Amino acid sequence: MERLQVKIKRLHPDAVIPQYAHDGDAGFDLVAVEDVIIAPGETAKVPTGIAIELPPGYELQVRPRSGITLRTKLRVQLGTVDSNYRGEIGVIVDNIFPVDEEEKHDYYYEVLATDESLVGVEVKMPYGTYIIRKGDRIAQGVIAPVSTADFVEVEKLSDTTRGEGGFGSTGVKDEHKRKTIVTKDG
């Protein structure tokens, strides 16, 4: 199978040109080019220092890395880079670290890193703050074909066995039988 040729432009001297770690990998790592500190409840854009030129009919999907999702409270938001976009690829990251009322006013000169170590910082930060360090593999990219459509407005859609059932309706045969009501008496 012929490999797709994708042009990459380095926008930062420390940017890492993507590469696949193993044959058969669907994704390649996206690497941070600067330190980004994210306090609990905050969202940040992590710069990668690269821009790409995808052929028409393709997109770059920005996805989480499973290890970071498993080990930390950082959540990479899914993203799409369209074939006509030529700006820097940024990775949107949320810090979902829960802060209880007792810890909410605790501030420290150390923050959590993506590898679970503690990193010293110059300014006191709230408990549960993370740092994404320059050079961290923060997300993965997957290049995928895109289908586009012509939308045709109609008065009626065709019937199916599912119909309008959605949002958890698949596999639920008799919804009222599944509900359990708990009272004070047990």
N, C-alpha and C. Protein backbone atom coordinates (compact mmCIF):
# COMPACT_ATOMS: atom_id res chain seq x y z
N MET A 1 0.83 -1.17 0.00
CA MET A 1 0.00 0.00 0.00
C MET A 1 0.88 1.25 0.00
N GLU A 2 0.57 2.19 -0.86
CA GLU A 2 1.35 3.42 -0.97
C GLU A 2 1.06 4.33 0.22
N ARG A 3 2.12 4.86 0.80
CA ARG A 3 1.96 5.75 1.95
C ARG A 3 1.64 7.17 1.49
N LEU A 4 0.76 7.82 2.22
CA LEU A 4 0.35 9.19 1.96
C LEU A 4 1.52 10.13 2.24
N GLN A 5 1.74 11.08 1.39
CA GLN A 5 2.79 12.08 1.61
C GLN A 5 2.16 13.32 2.23
N VAL A 6 2.62 13.70 3.42
CA VAL A 6 2.08 14.85 4.14
C VAL A 6 3.23 15.82 4.42
N LYS A 7 3.04 17.06 3.99
CA LYS A 7 4.06 18.09 4.21
C LYS A 7 3.95 18.63 5.64
N ILE A 8 5.11 18.80 6.28
CA ILE A 8 5.19 19.31 7.65
C ILE A 8 6.07 20.56 7.63
N LYS A 9 5.62 21.60 8.33
CA LYS A 9 6.43 22.80 8.49
C LYS A 9 6.75 22.97 9.97
N ARG A 10 8.02 23.12 10.28
CA ARG A 10 8.47 23.34 11.65
C ARG A 10 8.32 24.84 11.95
N LEU A 11 7.50 25.17 12.94
CA LEU A 11 7.26 26.56 13.32
C LEU A 11 8.08 26.97 14.54
N HIS A 12 8.69 26.01 15.19
CA HIS A 12 9.47 26.23 16.41
C HIS A 12 10.74 25.39 16.28
N PRO A 13 11.89 25.93 16.67
CA PRO A 13 13.13 25.15 16.49
C PRO A 13 13.16 23.83 17.23
N ASP A 14 12.38 23.69 18.32
CA ASP A 14 12.38 22.45 19.08
C ASP A 14 11.23 21.52 18.71
N ALA A 15 10.48 21.86 17.67
CA ALA A 15 9.35 21.03 17.26
C ALA A 15 9.84 19.65 16.83
N VAL A 16 9.04 18.64 17.17
CA VAL A 16 9.37 17.25 16.81
C VAL A 16 8.53 16.86 15.61
N ILE A 17 9.20 16.47 14.53
CA ILE A 17 8.51 16.00 13.34
C ILE A 17 7.88 14.65 13.66
N PRO A 18 6.57 14.48 13.40
CA PRO A 18 5.90 13.22 13.76
C PRO A 18 6.50 12.01 13.04
N GLN A 19 6.46 10.90 13.75
CA GLN A 19 6.84 9.62 13.16
C GLN A 19 6.10 8.52 13.90
N TYR A 20 5.88 7.43 13.23
CA TYR A 20 5.21 6.28 13.84
C TYR A 20 6.23 5.48 14.62
N ALA A 21 5.88 5.08 15.84
CA ALA A 21 6.81 4.34 16.69
C ALA A 21 7.02 2.91 16.20
N HIS A 22 5.96 2.28 15.67
CA HIS A 22 6.04 0.88 15.23
C HIS A 22 5.28 0.70 13.92
N ASP A 23 5.68 -0.29 13.15
CA ASP A 23 4.90 -0.66 11.96
C ASP A 23 3.50 -1.06 12.42
N GLY A 24 2.50 -0.60 11.72
CA GLY A 24 1.13 -0.94 12.06
C GLY A 24 0.46 0.04 13.00
N ASP A 25 1.20 1.01 13.57
CA ASP A 25 0.59 2.02 14.43
C ASP A 25 -0.34 2.90 13.61
N ALA A 26 -1.50 3.20 14.16
CA ALA A 26 -2.43 4.12 13.50
C ALA A 26 -2.08 5.56 13.82
N GLY A 27 -1.53 5.80 15.02
CA GLY A 27 -1.26 7.16 15.46
C GLY A 27 0.21 7.43 15.66
N PHE A 28 0.52 8.73 15.63
CA PHE A 28 1.88 9.21 15.89
C PHE A 28 1.77 10.26 16.99
N ASP A 29 2.85 10.45 17.75
CA ASP A 29 2.82 11.36 18.88
C ASP A 29 2.88 12.82 18.46
N LEU A 30 2.14 13.65 19.19
CA LEU A 30 2.24 15.10 19.09
C LEU A 30 2.93 15.57 20.36
N VAL A 31 3.95 16.39 20.21
CA VAL A 31 4.86 16.73 21.30
C VAL A 31 4.78 18.22 21.64
N ALA A 32 4.72 18.54 22.92
CA ALA A 32 4.66 19.93 23.38
C ALA A 32 6.00 20.62 23.13
N VAL A 33 5.95 21.90 22.69
CA VAL A 33 7.18 22.65 22.47
C VAL A 33 7.44 23.69 23.56
N GLU A 34 6.56 23.75 24.55
CA GLU A 34 6.80 24.63 25.69
C GLU A 34 6.09 24.07 26.92
N ASP A 35 6.53 24.50 28.08
CA ASP A 35 5.86 24.12 29.33
C ASP A 35 4.50 24.79 29.40
N VAL A 36 3.49 24.02 29.80
CA VAL A 36 2.14 24.56 29.98
C VAL A 36 1.63 24.06 31.33
N ILE A 37 1.23 25.00 32.18
CA ILE A 37 0.72 24.66 33.51
C ILE A 37 -0.79 24.80 33.48
N ILE A 38 -1.50 23.76 33.98
CA ILE A 38 -2.96 23.75 33.96
C ILE A 38 -3.46 23.45 35.37
N ALA A 39 -4.11 24.44 35.97
CA ALA A 39 -4.68 24.28 37.31
C ALA A 39 -5.97 23.47 37.22
N PRO A 40 -6.43 22.89 38.33
CA PRO A 40 -7.69 22.14 38.33
C PRO A 40 -8.84 22.99 37.78
N GLY A 41 -9.63 22.37 36.90
CA GLY A 41 -10.77 23.06 36.32
C GLY A 41 -10.44 23.94 35.13
N GLU A 42 -9.16 24.07 34.79
CA GLU A 42 -8.76 24.91 33.67
C GLU A 42 -8.56 24.10 32.40
N THR A 43 -8.59 24.81 31.29
CA THR A 43 -8.34 24.25 29.96
C THR A 43 -7.22 25.06 29.32
N ALA A 44 -6.32 24.40 28.62
CA ALA A 44 -5.21 25.09 27.97
C ALA A 44 -4.98 24.51 26.58
N LYS A 45 -4.39 25.34 25.73
CA LYS A 45 -3.96 24.88 24.40
C LYS A 45 -2.45 24.66 24.47
N VAL A 46 -2.04 23.45 24.15
CA VAL A 46 -0.62 23.09 24.18
C VAL A 46 -0.07 23.19 22.76
N PRO A 47 0.91 24.05 22.51
CA PRO A 47 1.47 24.19 21.17
C PRO A 47 2.39 23.02 20.82
N THR A 48 2.35 22.62 19.54
CA THR A 48 3.23 21.56 19.06
C THR A 48 4.36 22.07 18.19
N GLY A 49 4.24 23.31 17.73
CA GLY A 49 5.30 23.89 16.90
C GLY A 49 5.34 23.38 15.48
N ILE A 50 4.28 22.69 15.03
CA ILE A 50 4.25 22.20 13.65
C ILE A 50 2.94 22.60 12.96
N ALA A 51 3.02 22.73 11.67
CA ALA A 51 1.85 22.91 10.81
C ALA A 51 1.95 21.86 9.72
N ILE A 52 0.79 21.45 9.18
CA ILE A 52 0.79 20.39 8.17
C ILE A 52 0.00 20.82 6.95
N GLU A 53 0.28 20.15 5.85
CA GLU A 53 -0.50 20.31 4.63
C GLU A 53 -1.00 18.93 4.22
N LEU A 54 -2.27 18.70 4.55
CA LEU A 54 -2.90 17.42 4.20
C LEU A 54 -3.46 17.49 2.80
N PRO A 55 -3.46 16.39 2.08
CA PRO A 55 -4.12 16.38 0.77
C PRO A 55 -5.63 16.54 0.95
N PRO A 56 -6.33 17.12 -0.02
CA PRO A 56 -7.79 17.21 0.08
C PRO A 56 -8.38 15.82 0.28
N GLY A 57 -9.45 15.77 1.09
CA GLY A 57 -10.09 14.48 1.36
C GLY A 57 -9.57 13.79 2.61
N TYR A 58 -8.66 14.46 3.36
CA TYR A 58 -8.10 13.87 4.58
C TYR A 58 -8.22 14.86 5.74
N GLU A 59 -8.19 14.33 6.95
CA GLU A 59 -8.15 15.13 8.17
C GLU A 59 -7.09 14.54 9.09
N LEU A 60 -6.63 15.37 10.03
CA LEU A 60 -5.80 14.89 11.12
C LEU A 60 -6.68 14.90 12.36
N GLN A 61 -6.85 13.74 12.97
CA GLN A 61 -7.61 13.64 14.22
C GLN A 61 -6.62 13.73 15.38
N VAL A 62 -6.87 14.67 16.29
CA VAL A 62 -6.06 14.79 17.50
C VAL A 62 -6.78 14.01 18.59
N ARG A 63 -6.07 13.04 19.15
CA ARG A 63 -6.67 12.12 20.13
C ARG A 63 -5.83 12.04 21.39
N PRO A 64 -6.45 11.59 22.50
CA PRO A 64 -5.69 11.40 23.74
C PRO A 64 -4.69 10.25 23.62
N ARG A 65 -3.66 10.30 24.45
CA ARG A 65 -2.76 9.16 24.63
C ARG A 65 -3.29 8.39 25.83
N SER A 66 -3.41 7.09 25.70
CA SER A 66 -4.04 6.28 26.75
C SER A 66 -3.30 6.34 28.08
N GLY A 67 -1.97 6.40 28.05
CA GLY A 67 -1.20 6.42 29.29
C GLY A 67 -1.47 7.66 30.12
N ILE A 68 -1.54 8.82 29.47
CA ILE A 68 -1.83 10.06 30.20
C ILE A 68 -3.24 10.02 30.75
N THR A 69 -4.19 9.54 29.96
CA THR A 69 -5.57 9.46 30.42
C THR A 69 -5.68 8.51 31.62
N LEU A 70 -4.96 7.41 31.60
CA LEU A 70 -5.01 6.44 32.69
C LEU A 70 -4.34 6.96 33.96
N ARG A 71 -3.19 7.61 33.84
CA ARG A 71 -2.38 7.98 35.01
C ARG A 71 -2.68 9.36 35.59
N THR A 72 -3.30 10.24 34.82
CA THR A 72 -3.46 11.63 35.27
C THR A 72 -4.92 12.07 35.18
N LYS A 73 -5.18 13.28 35.61
CA LYS A 73 -6.50 13.91 35.47
C LYS A 73 -6.50 14.88 34.29
N LEU A 74 -5.55 14.73 33.39
CA LEU A 74 -5.51 15.53 32.17
C LEU A 74 -6.31 14.82 31.09
N ARG A 75 -7.16 15.56 30.40
CA ARG A 75 -7.99 15.00 29.34
C ARG A 75 -7.80 15.79 28.07
N VAL A 76 -7.21 15.14 27.06
CA VAL A 76 -7.05 15.74 25.74
C VAL A 76 -8.40 15.69 25.04
N GLN A 77 -8.82 16.83 24.52
CA GLN A 77 -10.07 16.90 23.78
C GLN A 77 -9.84 16.47 22.34
N LEU A 78 -10.78 15.70 21.82
CA LEU A 78 -10.69 15.29 20.43
C LEU A 78 -10.72 16.52 19.54
N GLY A 79 -9.95 16.48 18.50
CA GLY A 79 -9.91 17.63 17.59
C GLY A 79 -9.73 17.18 16.16
N THR A 80 -10.11 18.05 15.25
CA THR A 80 -9.94 17.80 13.82
C THR A 80 -9.12 18.92 13.21
N VAL A 81 -8.10 18.56 12.45
CA VAL A 81 -7.35 19.52 11.65
C VAL A 81 -7.76 19.26 10.20
N ASP A 82 -8.41 20.25 9.60
CA ASP A 82 -8.90 20.12 8.22
C ASP A 82 -7.76 20.25 7.22
N SER A 83 -8.00 19.74 6.02
CA SER A 83 -6.96 19.76 4.99
C SER A 83 -6.63 21.17 4.52
N ASN A 84 -7.51 22.13 4.73
CA ASN A 84 -7.23 23.50 4.28
C ASN A 84 -6.65 24.39 5.39
N TYR A 85 -6.37 23.84 6.58
CA TYR A 85 -5.79 24.60 7.69
C TYR A 85 -4.28 24.56 7.60
N ARG A 86 -3.64 25.70 7.74
CA ARG A 86 -2.17 25.77 7.65
C ARG A 86 -1.51 26.34 8.89
N GLY A 87 -2.26 26.54 9.97
CA GLY A 87 -1.69 27.08 11.20
C GLY A 87 -1.10 26.00 12.08
N GLU A 88 -0.60 26.43 13.24
CA GLU A 88 0.02 25.51 14.19
C GLU A 88 -1.02 24.55 14.76
N ILE A 89 -0.61 23.30 14.89
CA ILE A 89 -1.46 22.30 15.54
C ILE A 89 -1.36 22.53 17.04
N GLY A 90 -2.50 22.74 17.67
CA GLY A 90 -2.57 22.89 19.12
C GLY A 90 -3.39 21.75 19.69
N VAL A 91 -3.06 21.37 20.91
CA VAL A 91 -3.77 20.29 21.59
C VAL A 91 -4.52 20.90 22.77
N ILE A 92 -5.83 20.71 22.82
CA ILE A 92 -6.65 21.25 23.90
C ILE A 92 -6.69 20.23 25.03
N VAL A 93 -6.31 20.69 26.23
CA VAL A 93 -6.21 19.79 27.38
C VAL A 93 -6.98 20.38 28.56
N ASP A 94 -7.82 19.55 29.20
CA ASP A 94 -8.55 19.92 30.41
C ASP A 94 -7.90 19.25 31.61
N ASN A 95 -7.86 19.95 32.74
CA ASN A 95 -7.44 19.35 34.01
C ASN A 95 -8.72 19.13 34.82
N ILE A 96 -9.12 17.86 34.96
CA ILE A 96 -10.37 17.54 35.67
C ILE A 96 -10.11 17.12 37.12
N PHE A 97 -8.94 17.48 37.65
CA PHE A 97 -8.60 17.11 39.02
C PHE A 97 -9.66 17.67 39.97
N PRO A 98 -10.28 16.81 40.79
CA PRO A 98 -11.30 17.32 41.73
C PRO A 98 -10.62 17.97 42.94
N VAL A 99 -11.14 19.10 43.33
CA VAL A 99 -10.60 19.79 44.49
C VAL A 99 -11.71 19.88 45.53
N ASP A 100 -11.48 19.25 46.69
CA ASP A 100 -12.51 19.33 47.72
C ASP A 100 -12.34 20.63 48.52
N GLU A 101 -13.31 20.96 49.33
CA GLU A 101 -13.34 22.23 50.04
C GLU A 101 -12.12 22.41 50.96
N GLU A 102 -11.63 21.33 51.56
CA GLU A 102 -10.49 21.44 52.48
C GLU A 102 -9.20 21.78 51.74
N GLU A 103 -9.04 21.30 50.52
CA GLU A 103 -7.80 21.51 49.77
C GLU A 103 -7.88 22.71 48.83
N LYS A 104 -9.04 23.30 48.69
CA LYS A 104 -9.25 24.32 47.68
C LYS A 104 -8.36 25.55 47.84
N HIS A 105 -7.89 25.81 49.07
CA HIS A 105 -7.05 26.98 49.30
C HIS A 105 -5.59 26.62 49.56
N ASP A 106 -5.22 25.35 49.33
CA ASP A 106 -3.85 24.91 49.50
C ASP A 106 -3.05 25.19 48.23
N TYR A 107 -1.93 25.88 48.37
CA TYR A 107 -1.08 26.21 47.23
C TYR A 107 0.33 25.71 47.50
N TYR A 108 1.01 25.27 46.44
CA TYR A 108 2.32 24.64 46.59
C TYR A 108 3.28 25.14 45.51
N TYR A 109 4.56 24.97 45.79
CA TYR A 109 5.59 25.28 44.82
C TYR A 109 5.97 24.05 44.00
N GLU A 110 5.12 23.05 44.02
CA GLU A 110 5.31 21.85 43.21
C GLU A 110 4.01 21.53 42.48
N VAL A 111 4.15 21.02 41.27
CA VAL A 111 2.98 20.60 40.48
C VAL A 111 3.24 19.20 39.97
N LEU A 112 2.17 18.53 39.53
CA LEU A 112 2.27 17.18 39.01
C LEU A 112 2.68 17.19 37.55
N ALA A 113 3.53 16.25 37.17
CA ALA A 113 3.92 16.09 35.77
C ALA A 113 3.15 14.93 35.15
N THR A 114 3.20 14.82 33.84
CA THR A 114 2.47 13.75 33.16
C THR A 114 3.00 12.37 33.51
N ASP A 115 4.24 12.29 34.01
CA ASP A 115 4.80 11.00 34.43
C ASP A 115 4.60 10.74 35.92
N GLU A 116 3.76 11.55 36.56
CA GLU A 116 3.39 11.44 37.98
C GLU A 116 4.46 11.94 38.94
N SER A 117 5.54 12.52 38.44
CA SER A 117 6.55 13.08 39.33
C SER A 117 6.12 14.49 39.75
N LEU A 118 6.79 15.04 40.75
CA LEU A 118 6.54 16.41 41.18
C LEU A 118 7.61 17.32 40.58
N VAL A 119 7.18 18.49 40.11
CA VAL A 119 8.09 19.44 39.49
C VAL A 119 7.98 20.76 40.24
N GLY A 120 9.12 21.33 40.61
CA GLY A 120 9.12 22.62 41.29
C GLY A 120 8.79 23.75 40.33
N VAL A 121 8.02 24.72 40.82
CA VAL A 121 7.66 25.90 40.02
C VAL A 121 7.96 27.15 40.85
N GLU A 122 8.05 28.30 40.18
CA GLU A 122 8.42 29.54 40.85
C GLU A 122 7.25 30.22 41.55
N VAL A 123 6.04 29.91 41.16
CA VAL A 123 4.85 30.54 41.73
C VAL A 123 4.00 29.45 42.39
N LYS A 124 3.41 29.77 43.54
CA LYS A 124 2.55 28.78 44.20
C LYS A 124 1.33 28.49 43.33
N MET A 125 1.02 27.20 43.21
CA MET A 125 -0.10 26.75 42.38
C MET A 125 -1.05 25.92 43.23
N PRO A 126 -2.34 25.88 42.86
CA PRO A 126 -3.31 25.09 43.63
C PRO A 126 -2.99 23.60 43.59
N TYR A 127 -3.39 22.92 44.66
CA TYR A 127 -3.26 21.47 44.73
C TYR A 127 -3.96 20.85 43.52
N GLY A 128 -3.32 19.89 42.84
CA GLY A 128 -3.90 19.24 41.67
C GLY A 128 -3.52 19.88 40.36
N THR A 129 -2.60 20.85 40.39
CA THR A 129 -2.13 21.49 39.16
C THR A 129 -1.14 20.56 38.45
N TYR A 130 -1.23 20.51 37.14
CA TYR A 130 -0.32 19.71 36.31
C TYR A 130 0.54 20.61 35.45
N ILE A 131 1.72 20.09 35.12
CA ILE A 131 2.57 20.73 34.14
C ILE A 131 2.79 19.76 32.98
N ILE A 132 2.57 20.25 31.80
CA ILE A 132 2.97 19.52 30.59
C ILE A 132 4.30 20.14 30.21
N ARG A 133 5.34 19.34 30.23
CA ARG A 133 6.68 19.88 29.98
C ARG A 133 7.03 19.86 28.50
N LYS A 134 7.84 20.81 28.13
CA LYS A 134 8.40 20.85 26.78
C LYS A 134 9.02 19.48 26.50
N GLY A 135 8.64 18.88 25.38
CA GLY A 135 9.15 17.56 25.02
C GLY A 135 8.23 16.42 25.40
N ASP A 136 7.17 16.70 26.20
CA ASP A 136 6.21 15.64 26.56
C ASP A 136 5.38 15.25 25.34
N ARG A 137 5.18 13.96 25.19
CA ARG A 137 4.26 13.45 24.16
C ARG A 137 2.86 13.59 24.76
N ILE A 138 2.11 14.56 24.29
CA ILE A 138 0.86 14.93 24.96
C ILE A 138 -0.38 14.34 24.29
N ALA A 139 -0.32 14.08 23.00
CA ALA A 139 -1.49 13.55 22.28
C ALA A 139 -0.98 12.70 21.13
N GLN A 140 -1.93 12.11 20.42
CA GLN A 140 -1.56 11.39 19.20
C GLN A 140 -2.39 11.90 18.04
N GLY A 141 -1.82 11.80 16.87
CA GLY A 141 -2.52 12.21 15.65
C GLY A 141 -2.79 11.00 14.79
N VAL A 142 -3.96 10.98 14.17
CA VAL A 142 -4.34 9.93 13.23
C VAL A 142 -4.83 10.61 11.97
N ILE A 143 -4.27 10.25 10.84
CA ILE A 143 -4.71 10.80 9.56
C ILE A 143 -5.75 9.85 8.98
N ALA A 144 -6.90 10.44 8.60
CA ALA A 144 -8.02 9.61 8.14
C ALA A 144 -8.70 10.26 6.94
N PRO A 145 -9.25 9.42 6.05
CA PRO A 145 -10.02 9.97 4.92
C PRO A 145 -11.34 10.58 5.43
N VAL A 146 -11.81 11.56 4.71
CA VAL A 146 -13.04 12.26 5.08
C VAL A 146 -14.01 12.19 3.91
N SER A 147 -15.24 11.84 4.21
CA SER A 147 -16.30 11.89 3.20
C SER A 147 -17.07 13.19 3.41
N THR A 148 -17.40 13.84 2.33
CA THR A 148 -18.26 15.01 2.43
C THR A 148 -19.59 14.67 1.78
N ALA A 149 -20.59 15.49 2.05
CA ALA A 149 -21.95 15.17 1.60
C ALA A 149 -22.64 16.41 1.06
N ASP A 150 -23.63 16.18 0.22
CA ASP A 150 -24.57 17.21 -0.17
C ASP A 150 -25.82 16.96 0.66
N PHE A 151 -26.29 17.96 1.39
CA PHE A 151 -27.45 17.79 2.26
C PHE A 151 -28.71 18.17 1.51
N VAL A 152 -29.69 17.27 1.54
CA VAL A 152 -30.95 17.45 0.83
C VAL A 152 -32.07 17.50 1.86
N GLU A 153 -32.77 18.63 1.94
CA GLU A 153 -33.87 18.74 2.89
C GLU A 153 -35.08 17.99 2.36
N VAL A 154 -35.70 17.18 3.25
CA VAL A 154 -36.87 16.39 2.89
C VAL A 154 -37.94 16.57 3.96
N GLU A 155 -39.15 16.18 3.65
CA GLU A 155 -40.26 16.25 4.60
C GLU A 155 -40.29 15.04 5.53
N LYS A 156 -39.78 13.88 5.05
CA LYS A 156 -39.86 12.65 5.82
C LYS A 156 -38.61 11.82 5.58
N LEU A 157 -38.16 11.15 6.65
CA LEU A 157 -37.03 10.23 6.54
C LEU A 157 -37.57 8.81 6.51
N SER A 158 -36.80 7.87 5.97
CA SER A 158 -37.26 6.48 5.89
C SER A 158 -37.39 5.88 7.29
N ASP A 159 -38.28 4.90 7.42
CA ASP A 159 -38.51 4.22 8.69
C ASP A 159 -37.44 3.15 8.93
N THR A 160 -37.10 2.94 10.21
CA THR A 160 -36.19 1.88 10.61
C THR A 160 -36.74 1.23 11.87
N THR A 161 -36.17 0.09 12.27
CA THR A 161 -36.62 -0.55 13.50
C THR A 161 -36.22 0.26 14.73
N ARG A 162 -35.17 1.02 14.64
CA ARG A 162 -34.74 1.85 15.77
C ARG A 162 -35.55 3.13 15.85
N GLY A 163 -35.86 3.69 14.73
CA GLY A 163 -36.64 4.93 14.71
C GLY A 163 -35.91 6.08 15.37
N GLU A 164 -36.59 6.75 16.30
CA GLU A 164 -36.02 7.92 16.97
C GLU A 164 -35.34 7.57 18.29
N GLY A 165 -35.22 6.29 18.61
CA GLY A 165 -34.59 5.88 19.87
C GLY A 165 -33.11 6.21 19.87
N GLY A 166 -32.67 6.87 20.91
CA GLY A 166 -31.27 7.25 21.02
C GLY A 166 -30.89 7.50 22.46
N PHE A 167 -29.67 7.93 22.69
CA PHE A 167 -29.19 8.28 24.02
C PHE A 167 -29.42 7.18 25.03
N GLY A 168 -28.90 5.99 24.71
CA GLY A 168 -29.00 4.88 25.65
C GLY A 168 -30.18 3.96 25.42
N SER A 169 -30.92 4.16 24.35
CA SER A 169 -32.11 3.34 24.13
C SER A 169 -31.80 1.96 23.56
N THR A 170 -30.65 1.78 22.95
CA THR A 170 -30.31 0.50 22.34
C THR A 170 -30.16 -0.57 23.41
N GLY A 171 -30.88 -1.66 23.27
CA GLY A 171 -30.78 -2.78 24.20
C GLY A 171 -31.71 -2.69 25.38
N VAL A 172 -32.41 -1.60 25.58
CA VAL A 172 -33.36 -1.47 26.68
C VAL A 172 -34.71 -1.92 26.16
N LYS A 173 -35.20 -3.06 26.69
CA LYS A 173 -36.44 -3.63 26.17
C LYS A 173 -37.67 -3.03 26.85
N ASP A 174 -37.61 -2.91 28.16
CA ASP A 174 -38.77 -2.40 28.87
C ASP A 174 -38.25 -1.48 29.97
N GLU A 175 -38.14 -0.21 29.65
CA GLU A 175 -37.49 0.76 30.52
C GLU A 175 -38.09 0.79 31.93
N HIS A 176 -39.41 0.72 32.04
CA HIS A 176 -40.01 0.84 33.38
C HIS A 176 -39.70 -0.35 34.27
N LYS A 177 -39.37 -1.52 33.70
CA LYS A 177 -39.01 -2.68 34.52
C LYS A 177 -37.60 -2.54 35.10
N ARG A 178 -36.74 -1.74 34.48
CA ARG A 178 -35.37 -1.59 34.93
C ARG A 178 -35.22 -0.58 36.07
N LYS A 179 -36.19 0.27 36.28
CA LYS A 179 -36.08 1.30 37.31
C LYS A 179 -36.34 0.69 38.68
N THR A 180 -35.51 1.08 39.62
CA THR A 180 -35.67 0.64 41.01
C THR A 180 -35.91 1.88 41.84
N ILE A 181 -36.92 1.84 42.67
CA ILE A 181 -37.22 2.96 43.53
C ILE A 181 -36.83 2.59 44.94
N VAL A 182 -35.98 3.42 45.56
CA VAL A 182 -35.54 3.17 46.92
C VAL A 182 -36.23 4.17 47.82
N THR A 183 -36.85 3.68 48.90
CA THR A 183 -37.53 4.55 49.86
C THR A 183 -36.75 4.53 51.16
N LYS A 184 -37.12 5.41 52.09
CA LYS A 184 -36.47 5.45 53.39
C LYS A 184 -36.63 4.12 54.14
N ASP A 185 -37.72 3.43 53.91
CA ASP A 185 -37.98 2.17 54.60
C ASP A 185 -37.23 0.99 53.98
N GLY A 186 -36.57 1.23 52.84
CA GLY A 186 -35.79 0.17 52.22
C GLY A 186 -36.54 -0.44 51.11
